[in-house]
N, C-alpha and C. Protein backbone atom coordinates (compact mmCIF):
# COMPACT_ATOMS: atom_id res chain seq x y z
N MET A 1 4.77 21.76 1.80
CA MET A 1 5.02 20.55 1.03
C MET A 1 5.70 20.89 -0.30
N MET A 2 5.51 22.08 -0.78
CA MET A 2 6.09 22.46 -2.07
C MET A 2 7.61 22.37 -2.06
N ILE A 3 8.23 22.84 -1.00
CA ILE A 3 9.69 22.79 -0.89
C ILE A 3 10.14 21.34 -0.77
N ILE A 4 9.48 20.57 0.06
CA ILE A 4 9.82 19.15 0.21
C ILE A 4 9.65 18.42 -1.12
N ARG A 5 8.59 18.72 -1.84
CA ARG A 5 8.35 18.10 -3.15
C ARG A 5 9.53 18.33 -4.08
N LYS A 6 10.05 19.56 -4.11
CA LYS A 6 11.20 19.88 -4.96
C LYS A 6 12.44 19.13 -4.50
N ILE A 7 12.67 19.07 -3.21
CA ILE A 7 13.84 18.35 -2.67
C ILE A 7 13.74 16.87 -3.00
N ILE A 8 12.54 16.31 -2.86
CA ILE A 8 12.34 14.89 -3.18
C ILE A 8 12.64 14.64 -4.66
N ARG A 9 12.15 15.49 -5.51
CA ARG A 9 12.42 15.34 -6.95
C ARG A 9 13.91 15.49 -7.25
N ASN A 10 14.59 16.42 -6.55
CA ASN A 10 16.02 16.61 -6.74
C ASN A 10 16.83 15.37 -6.34
N HIS A 11 16.25 14.54 -5.48
CA HIS A 11 16.89 13.29 -5.06
C HIS A 11 16.48 12.13 -5.96
N ASN A 12 15.91 12.45 -7.10
CA ASN A 12 15.57 11.45 -8.12
C ASN A 12 14.35 10.59 -7.80
N PHE A 13 13.48 11.06 -6.92
CA PHE A 13 12.23 10.35 -6.68
C PHE A 13 11.18 10.91 -7.63
N ASN A 14 10.42 10.04 -8.23
CA ASN A 14 9.37 10.44 -9.14
C ASN A 14 8.06 10.49 -8.35
N ILE A 15 7.50 11.68 -8.19
CA ILE A 15 6.25 11.79 -7.43
C ILE A 15 5.17 12.45 -8.28
N ARG A 16 3.95 12.12 -7.94
CA ARG A 16 2.79 12.74 -8.58
C ARG A 16 1.88 13.20 -7.47
N VAL A 17 1.46 14.43 -7.53
CA VAL A 17 0.60 15.00 -6.49
C VAL A 17 -0.85 14.96 -6.95
N LEU A 18 -1.68 14.33 -6.14
CA LEU A 18 -3.12 14.35 -6.33
C LEU A 18 -3.66 15.14 -5.15
N ASN A 19 -4.20 16.30 -5.39
CA ASN A 19 -4.65 17.15 -4.29
C ASN A 19 -5.77 16.50 -3.48
N ASP A 20 -6.60 15.74 -4.12
CA ASP A 20 -7.65 14.99 -3.45
C ASP A 20 -8.11 13.91 -4.40
N ILE A 21 -8.73 12.88 -3.87
CA ILE A 21 -9.25 11.81 -4.72
C ILE A 21 -10.73 11.63 -4.44
N GLU A 22 -11.45 11.18 -5.46
CA GLU A 22 -12.87 10.93 -5.31
C GLU A 22 -13.18 9.44 -5.36
N ASP A 23 -12.20 8.65 -5.73
CA ASP A 23 -12.37 7.21 -5.86
C ASP A 23 -11.06 6.57 -5.43
N ILE A 24 -11.14 5.54 -4.62
CA ILE A 24 -9.94 4.89 -4.09
C ILE A 24 -9.08 4.30 -5.21
N LYS A 25 -9.69 4.03 -6.36
CA LYS A 25 -8.94 3.49 -7.50
C LYS A 25 -7.91 4.49 -8.04
N ALA A 26 -8.03 5.74 -7.64
CA ALA A 26 -7.08 6.77 -8.11
C ALA A 26 -5.65 6.46 -7.66
N VAL A 27 -5.48 5.66 -6.62
CA VAL A 27 -4.13 5.33 -6.13
C VAL A 27 -3.64 3.97 -6.63
N MET A 28 -4.43 3.32 -7.43
CA MET A 28 -4.13 1.96 -7.88
C MET A 28 -2.74 1.80 -8.48
N ASP A 29 -2.30 2.77 -9.25
CA ASP A 29 -1.03 2.64 -9.98
C ASP A 29 0.20 3.06 -9.19
N TYR A 30 0.02 3.45 -7.95
CA TYR A 30 1.14 3.98 -7.16
C TYR A 30 1.50 3.04 -6.02
N PRO A 31 2.74 2.56 -5.99
CA PRO A 31 3.14 1.63 -4.92
C PRO A 31 3.29 2.30 -3.56
N VAL A 32 3.55 3.61 -3.56
CA VAL A 32 3.70 4.37 -2.32
C VAL A 32 2.71 5.53 -2.36
N VAL A 33 1.97 5.70 -1.28
CA VAL A 33 1.00 6.79 -1.20
C VAL A 33 1.31 7.60 0.05
N ILE A 34 1.51 8.89 -0.14
CA ILE A 34 1.67 9.82 0.98
C ILE A 34 0.33 10.52 1.13
N CYS A 35 -0.30 10.38 2.28
CA CYS A 35 -1.65 10.87 2.45
C CYS A 35 -1.74 11.86 3.61
N ASP A 36 -2.18 13.07 3.29
CA ASP A 36 -2.46 14.06 4.32
C ASP A 36 -3.68 13.59 5.11
N ILE A 37 -3.81 14.03 6.32
CA ILE A 37 -4.95 13.63 7.15
C ILE A 37 -6.08 14.65 7.08
N LYS A 38 -5.73 15.89 7.02
CA LYS A 38 -6.73 16.96 7.07
C LYS A 38 -6.95 17.56 5.68
N GLY A 39 -8.21 17.76 5.34
CA GLY A 39 -8.54 18.47 4.11
C GLY A 39 -8.59 17.62 2.86
N VAL A 40 -8.57 16.31 2.99
CA VAL A 40 -8.65 15.41 1.83
C VAL A 40 -9.75 14.37 2.07
N GLY A 41 -10.18 13.77 1.00
CA GLY A 41 -11.18 12.70 1.11
C GLY A 41 -12.59 13.19 1.34
N LYS A 42 -12.85 14.43 0.96
CA LYS A 42 -14.18 15.01 1.20
C LYS A 42 -15.29 14.20 0.54
N SER A 43 -15.02 13.67 -0.64
CA SER A 43 -16.07 12.94 -1.36
C SER A 43 -16.45 11.62 -0.69
N PHE A 44 -15.64 11.15 0.25
CA PHE A 44 -15.97 9.92 0.95
C PHE A 44 -16.93 10.15 2.11
N GLY A 45 -17.10 11.42 2.51
CA GLY A 45 -18.07 11.76 3.54
C GLY A 45 -17.71 11.33 4.95
N SER A 46 -16.46 11.05 5.20
CA SER A 46 -16.04 10.62 6.53
C SER A 46 -15.47 11.81 7.31
N ILE A 47 -15.77 11.87 8.58
CA ILE A 47 -15.20 12.92 9.42
C ILE A 47 -13.71 12.73 9.61
N TYR A 48 -13.21 11.53 9.30
CA TYR A 48 -11.79 11.23 9.49
C TYR A 48 -10.94 11.59 8.28
N GLU A 49 -11.57 12.06 7.22
CA GLU A 49 -10.91 12.57 6.03
C GLU A 49 -9.78 11.66 5.54
N GLY A 50 -8.52 12.09 5.61
CA GLY A 50 -7.38 11.29 5.14
C GLY A 50 -7.23 9.98 5.88
N GLY A 51 -7.64 9.95 7.13
CA GLY A 51 -7.61 8.69 7.89
C GLY A 51 -8.49 7.64 7.22
N HIS A 52 -9.64 8.07 6.76
CA HIS A 52 -10.54 7.16 6.05
C HIS A 52 -9.90 6.68 4.75
N ILE A 53 -9.23 7.58 4.04
CA ILE A 53 -8.55 7.19 2.80
C ILE A 53 -7.49 6.12 3.09
N ILE A 54 -6.72 6.31 4.15
CA ILE A 54 -5.71 5.31 4.53
C ILE A 54 -6.37 3.96 4.77
N GLU A 55 -7.47 3.97 5.49
CA GLU A 55 -8.19 2.73 5.78
C GLU A 55 -8.66 2.06 4.48
N GLU A 56 -9.18 2.85 3.57
CA GLU A 56 -9.65 2.30 2.29
C GLU A 56 -8.49 1.74 1.45
N ILE A 57 -7.38 2.46 1.44
CA ILE A 57 -6.21 1.98 0.69
C ILE A 57 -5.76 0.64 1.25
N LYS A 58 -5.64 0.54 2.55
CA LYS A 58 -5.17 -0.70 3.17
C LYS A 58 -6.17 -1.83 2.99
N SER A 59 -7.44 -1.49 2.88
CA SER A 59 -8.47 -2.50 2.66
C SER A 59 -8.44 -3.04 1.23
N HIS A 60 -8.23 -2.16 0.27
CA HIS A 60 -8.26 -2.56 -1.14
C HIS A 60 -6.89 -2.91 -1.72
N TYR A 61 -5.83 -2.29 -1.17
CA TYR A 61 -4.48 -2.46 -1.70
C TYR A 61 -3.49 -2.66 -0.56
N PRO A 62 -3.54 -3.78 0.12
CA PRO A 62 -2.66 -3.96 1.29
C PRO A 62 -1.17 -3.98 0.94
N GLU A 63 -0.84 -4.17 -0.32
CA GLU A 63 0.56 -4.19 -0.71
C GLU A 63 1.17 -2.79 -0.80
N LYS A 64 0.35 -1.77 -0.81
CA LYS A 64 0.84 -0.40 -0.93
C LYS A 64 1.45 0.08 0.38
N VAL A 65 2.50 0.86 0.27
CA VAL A 65 3.10 1.48 1.44
C VAL A 65 2.44 2.85 1.59
N VAL A 66 1.90 3.10 2.77
CA VAL A 66 1.19 4.35 3.01
C VAL A 66 1.91 5.16 4.09
N ILE A 67 2.15 6.42 3.76
CA ILE A 67 2.78 7.35 4.70
C ILE A 67 1.73 8.39 5.07
N ALA A 68 1.36 8.43 6.34
CA ALA A 68 0.45 9.47 6.82
C ALA A 68 1.27 10.72 7.06
N TYR A 69 0.70 11.85 6.67
CA TYR A 69 1.44 13.11 6.68
C TYR A 69 0.52 14.16 7.27
N THR A 70 0.94 14.79 8.36
CA THR A 70 0.07 15.77 8.99
C THR A 70 0.84 16.85 9.73
N GLY A 71 0.21 17.98 9.86
CA GLY A 71 0.79 19.08 10.61
C GLY A 71 0.00 19.36 11.87
N GLN A 72 -0.97 18.51 12.17
CA GLN A 72 -1.85 18.73 13.31
C GLN A 72 -1.77 17.57 14.29
N GLN A 73 -2.30 17.83 15.47
CA GLN A 73 -2.46 16.75 16.45
C GLN A 73 -3.93 16.35 16.44
N PHE A 74 -4.18 15.09 16.62
CA PHE A 74 -5.54 14.57 16.56
C PHE A 74 -5.88 13.84 17.84
N ASP A 75 -7.18 13.72 18.10
CA ASP A 75 -7.60 12.98 19.29
C ASP A 75 -7.39 11.49 19.06
N ALA A 76 -7.58 10.72 20.11
CA ALA A 76 -7.26 9.29 20.10
C ALA A 76 -8.06 8.49 19.07
N THR A 77 -9.18 9.01 18.60
CA THR A 77 -9.95 8.26 17.60
C THR A 77 -9.19 8.08 16.29
N TYR A 78 -8.19 8.90 16.06
CA TYR A 78 -7.38 8.79 14.84
C TYR A 78 -6.26 7.76 14.96
N ASN A 79 -6.00 7.27 16.16
CA ASN A 79 -4.91 6.30 16.35
C ASN A 79 -5.07 5.09 15.45
N LYS A 80 -6.30 4.66 15.26
CA LYS A 80 -6.58 3.51 14.38
C LYS A 80 -5.99 3.74 12.99
N PHE A 81 -6.17 4.94 12.47
CA PHE A 81 -5.72 5.25 11.10
C PHE A 81 -4.20 5.40 11.04
N PHE A 82 -3.63 6.01 12.07
CA PHE A 82 -2.18 6.13 12.10
C PHE A 82 -1.52 4.76 12.22
N SER A 83 -2.17 3.83 12.93
CA SER A 83 -1.59 2.49 13.06
C SER A 83 -1.69 1.71 11.74
N LEU A 84 -2.64 2.05 10.90
CA LEU A 84 -2.75 1.41 9.58
C LEU A 84 -1.66 1.87 8.62
N ALA A 85 -1.22 3.11 8.80
CA ALA A 85 -0.16 3.65 7.93
C ALA A 85 1.16 2.95 8.25
N ASP A 86 1.97 2.80 7.24
CA ASP A 86 3.28 2.19 7.44
C ASP A 86 4.23 3.14 8.16
N PHE A 87 4.07 4.42 7.87
CA PHE A 87 4.89 5.46 8.50
C PHE A 87 4.02 6.68 8.72
N THR A 88 4.41 7.50 9.70
CA THR A 88 3.73 8.76 9.94
C THR A 88 4.79 9.85 10.06
N LEU A 89 4.58 10.93 9.32
CA LEU A 89 5.50 12.06 9.38
C LEU A 89 4.73 13.34 9.66
N THR A 90 5.37 14.25 10.37
CA THR A 90 4.77 15.55 10.59
C THR A 90 5.25 16.49 9.49
N LYS A 91 4.50 17.54 9.28
CA LYS A 91 4.83 18.47 8.19
C LYS A 91 6.11 19.25 8.43
N ASP A 92 6.58 19.28 9.66
CA ASP A 92 7.80 20.04 9.95
C ASP A 92 9.07 19.19 9.89
N VAL A 93 8.96 17.96 9.41
CA VAL A 93 10.11 17.07 9.35
C VAL A 93 11.09 17.57 8.27
N ASP A 94 12.38 17.34 8.50
CA ASP A 94 13.39 17.84 7.57
C ASP A 94 13.52 16.95 6.34
N SER A 95 14.17 17.47 5.32
CA SER A 95 14.29 16.76 4.04
C SER A 95 15.13 15.48 4.16
N ASP A 96 16.12 15.46 5.05
CA ASP A 96 16.92 14.25 5.23
C ASP A 96 16.04 13.09 5.70
N THR A 97 15.10 13.39 6.58
CA THR A 97 14.18 12.35 7.07
C THR A 97 13.32 11.84 5.93
N TRP A 98 12.82 12.76 5.08
CA TRP A 98 12.03 12.35 3.93
C TRP A 98 12.82 11.41 3.01
N VAL A 99 14.03 11.80 2.69
CA VAL A 99 14.84 11.01 1.76
C VAL A 99 15.14 9.63 2.35
N THR A 100 15.50 9.59 3.62
CA THR A 100 15.77 8.31 4.27
C THR A 100 14.53 7.43 4.27
N LEU A 101 13.40 8.01 4.63
CA LEU A 101 12.15 7.25 4.67
C LEU A 101 11.78 6.73 3.28
N LEU A 102 11.91 7.55 2.28
CA LEU A 102 11.56 7.11 0.93
C LEU A 102 12.51 6.02 0.43
N ASP A 103 13.78 6.10 0.79
CA ASP A 103 14.71 5.02 0.45
C ASP A 103 14.27 3.70 1.10
N GLN A 104 13.89 3.75 2.37
CA GLN A 104 13.41 2.56 3.08
C GLN A 104 12.12 2.03 2.43
N THR A 105 11.27 2.95 2.06
CA THR A 105 9.99 2.59 1.46
C THR A 105 10.20 1.89 0.13
N ILE A 106 11.10 2.40 -0.68
CA ILE A 106 11.37 1.78 -1.98
C ILE A 106 11.90 0.37 -1.78
N SER A 107 12.73 0.17 -0.76
CA SER A 107 13.23 -1.18 -0.47
C SER A 107 12.08 -2.13 -0.18
N LYS A 108 11.07 -1.65 0.54
CA LYS A 108 9.91 -2.50 0.84
C LYS A 108 9.10 -2.79 -0.43
N VAL A 109 8.97 -1.81 -1.26
CA VAL A 109 8.14 -1.95 -2.45
C VAL A 109 8.74 -2.92 -3.45
N VAL A 110 10.05 -2.94 -3.58
CA VAL A 110 10.67 -3.79 -4.60
C VAL A 110 11.04 -5.18 -4.08
N SER A 111 10.87 -5.42 -2.81
CA SER A 111 11.22 -6.72 -2.24
C SER A 111 10.03 -7.68 -2.30
N PRO A 112 10.17 -8.77 -3.05
CA PRO A 112 9.08 -9.75 -3.09
C PRO A 112 8.77 -10.31 -1.69
N VAL A 113 9.78 -10.48 -0.88
CA VAL A 113 9.57 -10.99 0.48
C VAL A 113 8.72 -10.02 1.28
N GLU A 114 9.06 -8.74 1.23
CA GLU A 114 8.29 -7.74 1.97
C GLU A 114 6.86 -7.64 1.44
N GLN A 115 6.71 -7.70 0.13
CA GLN A 115 5.38 -7.63 -0.45
C GLN A 115 4.53 -8.83 -0.01
N TRP A 116 5.14 -10.01 -0.03
CA TRP A 116 4.37 -11.19 0.39
C TRP A 116 4.01 -11.10 1.87
N LYS A 117 4.90 -10.63 2.71
CA LYS A 117 4.59 -10.50 4.14
C LYS A 117 3.35 -9.62 4.34
N ARG A 118 3.26 -8.55 3.56
CA ARG A 118 2.11 -7.65 3.67
C ARG A 118 0.83 -8.37 3.23
N MET A 119 0.93 -9.11 2.14
CA MET A 119 -0.24 -9.83 1.65
C MET A 119 -0.64 -10.93 2.62
N ARG A 120 0.33 -11.64 3.16
CA ARG A 120 0.03 -12.70 4.11
C ARG A 120 -0.68 -12.14 5.35
N THR A 121 -0.19 -11.02 5.85
CA THR A 121 -0.83 -10.39 7.00
C THR A 121 -2.27 -10.04 6.68
N PHE A 122 -2.50 -9.46 5.51
CA PHE A 122 -3.86 -9.12 5.08
C PHE A 122 -4.74 -10.37 5.06
N LEU A 123 -4.25 -11.43 4.44
CA LEU A 123 -5.05 -12.66 4.32
C LEU A 123 -5.38 -13.24 5.70
N LEU A 124 -4.41 -13.24 6.60
CA LEU A 124 -4.66 -13.77 7.94
C LEU A 124 -5.65 -12.88 8.70
N GLU A 125 -5.54 -11.57 8.54
CA GLU A 125 -6.49 -10.66 9.19
C GLU A 125 -7.91 -10.87 8.67
N LYS A 126 -8.03 -11.26 7.41
CA LYS A 126 -9.34 -11.53 6.80
C LYS A 126 -9.81 -12.96 7.08
N GLU A 127 -9.05 -13.66 7.91
CA GLU A 127 -9.38 -15.03 8.35
C GLU A 127 -9.47 -16.03 7.20
N VAL A 128 -8.60 -15.84 6.21
CA VAL A 128 -8.47 -16.83 5.15
C VAL A 128 -7.86 -18.07 5.81
N PRO A 129 -8.38 -19.24 5.51
CA PRO A 129 -7.84 -20.45 6.13
C PRO A 129 -6.32 -20.57 5.94
N ILE A 130 -5.65 -20.96 6.99
CA ILE A 130 -4.18 -21.04 6.99
C ILE A 130 -3.69 -21.96 5.88
N LYS A 131 -4.42 -23.00 5.56
CA LYS A 131 -4.04 -23.91 4.48
C LYS A 131 -4.02 -23.16 3.14
N THR A 132 -5.00 -22.29 2.92
CA THR A 132 -5.05 -21.51 1.68
C THR A 132 -3.91 -20.50 1.64
N VAL A 133 -3.65 -19.85 2.78
CA VAL A 133 -2.54 -18.89 2.84
C VAL A 133 -1.23 -19.61 2.55
N PHE A 134 -1.05 -20.79 3.12
CA PHE A 134 0.16 -21.59 2.87
C PHE A 134 0.27 -21.93 1.38
N GLN A 135 -0.83 -22.36 0.78
CA GLN A 135 -0.81 -22.72 -0.64
C GLN A 135 -0.46 -21.50 -1.50
N LEU A 136 -1.06 -20.35 -1.17
CA LEU A 136 -0.75 -19.13 -1.92
C LEU A 136 0.72 -18.75 -1.76
N GLU A 137 1.25 -18.94 -0.56
CA GLU A 137 2.66 -18.63 -0.33
C GLU A 137 3.56 -19.52 -1.17
N GLN A 138 3.24 -20.80 -1.24
CA GLN A 138 4.04 -21.72 -2.06
C GLN A 138 3.96 -21.33 -3.53
N GLU A 139 2.77 -20.96 -3.99
CA GLU A 139 2.61 -20.53 -5.38
C GLU A 139 3.37 -19.24 -5.64
N PHE A 140 3.35 -18.33 -4.66
CA PHE A 140 4.07 -17.07 -4.81
C PHE A 140 5.57 -17.32 -4.94
N ILE A 141 6.10 -18.19 -4.09
CA ILE A 141 7.53 -18.51 -4.14
C ILE A 141 7.89 -19.10 -5.50
N GLU A 142 7.07 -20.03 -5.97
CA GLU A 142 7.34 -20.64 -7.28
C GLU A 142 7.26 -19.59 -8.40
N ALA A 143 6.27 -18.70 -8.32
CA ALA A 143 6.13 -17.66 -9.34
C ALA A 143 7.34 -16.74 -9.38
N VAL A 144 7.83 -16.36 -8.21
CA VAL A 144 9.00 -15.47 -8.15
C VAL A 144 10.24 -16.20 -8.66
N LEU A 145 10.44 -17.43 -8.21
CA LEU A 145 11.63 -18.17 -8.62
C LEU A 145 11.64 -18.46 -10.12
N LYS A 146 10.47 -18.75 -10.67
CA LYS A 146 10.40 -19.10 -12.09
C LYS A 146 10.09 -17.89 -12.97
N GLY A 147 9.80 -16.75 -12.36
CA GLY A 147 9.49 -15.56 -13.14
C GLY A 147 8.21 -15.69 -13.93
N ASP A 148 7.24 -16.41 -13.38
CA ASP A 148 5.99 -16.68 -14.09
C ASP A 148 4.82 -16.39 -13.16
N LYS A 149 4.18 -15.23 -13.37
CA LYS A 149 3.10 -14.84 -12.46
C LYS A 149 1.88 -15.74 -12.59
N ASP A 150 1.78 -16.53 -13.65
CA ASP A 150 0.66 -17.46 -13.78
C ASP A 150 0.74 -18.61 -12.79
N LYS A 151 1.89 -18.77 -12.14
CA LYS A 151 2.05 -19.82 -11.13
C LYS A 151 1.39 -19.42 -9.80
N PHE A 152 1.07 -18.12 -9.67
CA PHE A 152 0.53 -17.60 -8.42
C PHE A 152 -0.99 -17.45 -8.49
N ALA A 153 -1.64 -17.77 -7.39
CA ALA A 153 -3.10 -17.59 -7.22
C ALA A 153 -3.89 -18.35 -8.29
N LYS A 154 -3.66 -19.63 -8.32
CA LYS A 154 -4.38 -20.48 -9.25
C LYS A 154 -5.86 -20.53 -8.87
N ASN A 155 -6.70 -20.74 -9.87
CA ASN A 155 -8.15 -20.79 -9.62
C ASN A 155 -8.50 -21.81 -8.54
N SER A 156 -7.83 -22.95 -8.55
CA SER A 156 -8.12 -23.97 -7.55
C SER A 156 -7.80 -23.49 -6.14
N THR A 157 -6.81 -22.64 -6.00
CA THR A 157 -6.44 -22.11 -4.68
C THR A 157 -7.42 -21.02 -4.26
N LEU A 158 -7.89 -20.22 -5.19
CA LEU A 158 -8.78 -19.11 -4.88
C LEU A 158 -10.23 -19.53 -4.67
N ARG A 159 -10.56 -20.74 -5.12
CA ARG A 159 -11.93 -21.22 -4.99
C ARG A 159 -12.36 -21.16 -3.52
N GLY A 160 -13.52 -20.63 -3.29
CA GLY A 160 -14.06 -20.57 -1.93
C GLY A 160 -13.75 -19.28 -1.19
N LEU A 161 -12.86 -18.46 -1.74
CA LEU A 161 -12.57 -17.18 -1.09
C LEU A 161 -13.63 -16.15 -1.48
N GLU A 162 -13.89 -15.23 -0.57
CA GLU A 162 -14.85 -14.16 -0.84
C GLU A 162 -14.36 -13.31 -2.00
N GLY A 163 -15.32 -12.72 -2.72
CA GLY A 163 -15.00 -11.92 -3.90
C GLY A 163 -14.07 -10.77 -3.61
N ASP A 164 -14.25 -10.08 -2.46
CA ASP A 164 -13.37 -8.94 -2.18
C ASP A 164 -11.94 -9.38 -1.91
N ILE A 165 -11.76 -10.55 -1.34
CA ILE A 165 -10.41 -11.06 -1.10
C ILE A 165 -9.78 -11.47 -2.43
N ARG A 166 -10.55 -12.10 -3.30
CA ARG A 166 -10.05 -12.45 -4.64
C ARG A 166 -9.67 -11.18 -5.41
N ASP A 167 -10.47 -10.11 -5.24
CA ASP A 167 -10.17 -8.84 -5.91
C ASP A 167 -8.83 -8.27 -5.42
N VAL A 168 -8.58 -8.36 -4.12
CA VAL A 168 -7.32 -7.84 -3.56
C VAL A 168 -6.15 -8.66 -4.10
N ILE A 169 -6.33 -9.97 -4.16
CA ILE A 169 -5.26 -10.82 -4.70
C ILE A 169 -5.01 -10.49 -6.17
N SER A 170 -6.07 -10.26 -6.93
CA SER A 170 -5.91 -9.86 -8.34
C SER A 170 -5.15 -8.55 -8.46
N SER A 171 -5.48 -7.62 -7.59
CA SER A 171 -4.78 -6.34 -7.58
C SER A 171 -3.30 -6.54 -7.24
N PHE A 172 -3.05 -7.43 -6.30
CA PHE A 172 -1.67 -7.74 -5.90
C PHE A 172 -0.89 -8.31 -7.08
N ILE A 173 -1.52 -9.20 -7.82
CA ILE A 173 -0.87 -9.79 -8.99
C ILE A 173 -0.50 -8.71 -10.01
N ALA A 174 -1.40 -7.77 -10.19
CA ALA A 174 -1.19 -6.71 -11.18
C ALA A 174 -0.33 -5.56 -10.64
N SER A 175 0.04 -5.65 -9.38
CA SER A 175 0.74 -4.55 -8.73
C SER A 175 2.16 -4.37 -9.26
N ILE A 176 2.76 -3.36 -8.77
CA ILE A 176 4.13 -3.00 -9.14
C ILE A 176 5.11 -4.14 -8.87
N LEU A 177 4.81 -4.97 -7.91
CA LEU A 177 5.69 -6.09 -7.58
C LEU A 177 5.96 -6.92 -8.84
N PHE A 178 4.92 -7.33 -9.54
CA PHE A 178 5.12 -8.18 -10.70
C PHE A 178 5.69 -7.39 -11.88
N LYS A 179 5.38 -6.11 -11.95
CA LYS A 179 5.97 -5.30 -13.00
C LYS A 179 7.48 -5.23 -12.82
N MET A 180 7.92 -5.17 -11.56
CA MET A 180 9.36 -5.07 -11.30
C MET A 180 10.02 -6.45 -11.37
N VAL A 181 9.42 -7.42 -10.72
CA VAL A 181 10.04 -8.74 -10.63
C VAL A 181 10.00 -9.46 -11.97
N PHE A 182 8.84 -9.39 -12.66
CA PHE A 182 8.68 -10.15 -13.87
C PHE A 182 8.82 -9.31 -15.12
N GLY A 183 9.03 -8.01 -14.98
CA GLY A 183 9.18 -7.14 -16.13
C GLY A 183 7.93 -7.04 -16.98
N ALA A 184 6.77 -7.26 -16.37
CA ALA A 184 5.50 -7.21 -17.12
C ALA A 184 5.10 -5.81 -17.46
């Protein structure tokens, strides 16, 4: 990974390496997370290691783009975690593939449409009533068009949602999307 890290930096990508995390909040500030599968996430106590981290990231920060990164083959029980990742790369992949993938990933991260699609999918998977999802989508569109994040996720719309779903929406509001779109 050291050589790839240098090549990525030479292509003007800004990366920060966290060898391991002890709290899922450690990834809060990063719109893209590249997560190894083996040898990370020990403090979470899961036999699935990085797979568990991917699951936690997607549960708490569905707007984040996650790239699973591994040099090993895993049994079928890991398929769940690989399917949660947006992309999966093997450790022997060439630098051109990395650069292309990161370019695609950045496009997803900066696109309000792509970000909303991810949030909408999360909300529907959590069985948020379709009427509420529709209302949030309308508020999101208005917020983007008017450049005013206060137009999104009004208290009246969030009323009745479970606390963890409200927390994810709050995280989404504070995410890189609004920093880029609204210059916050």
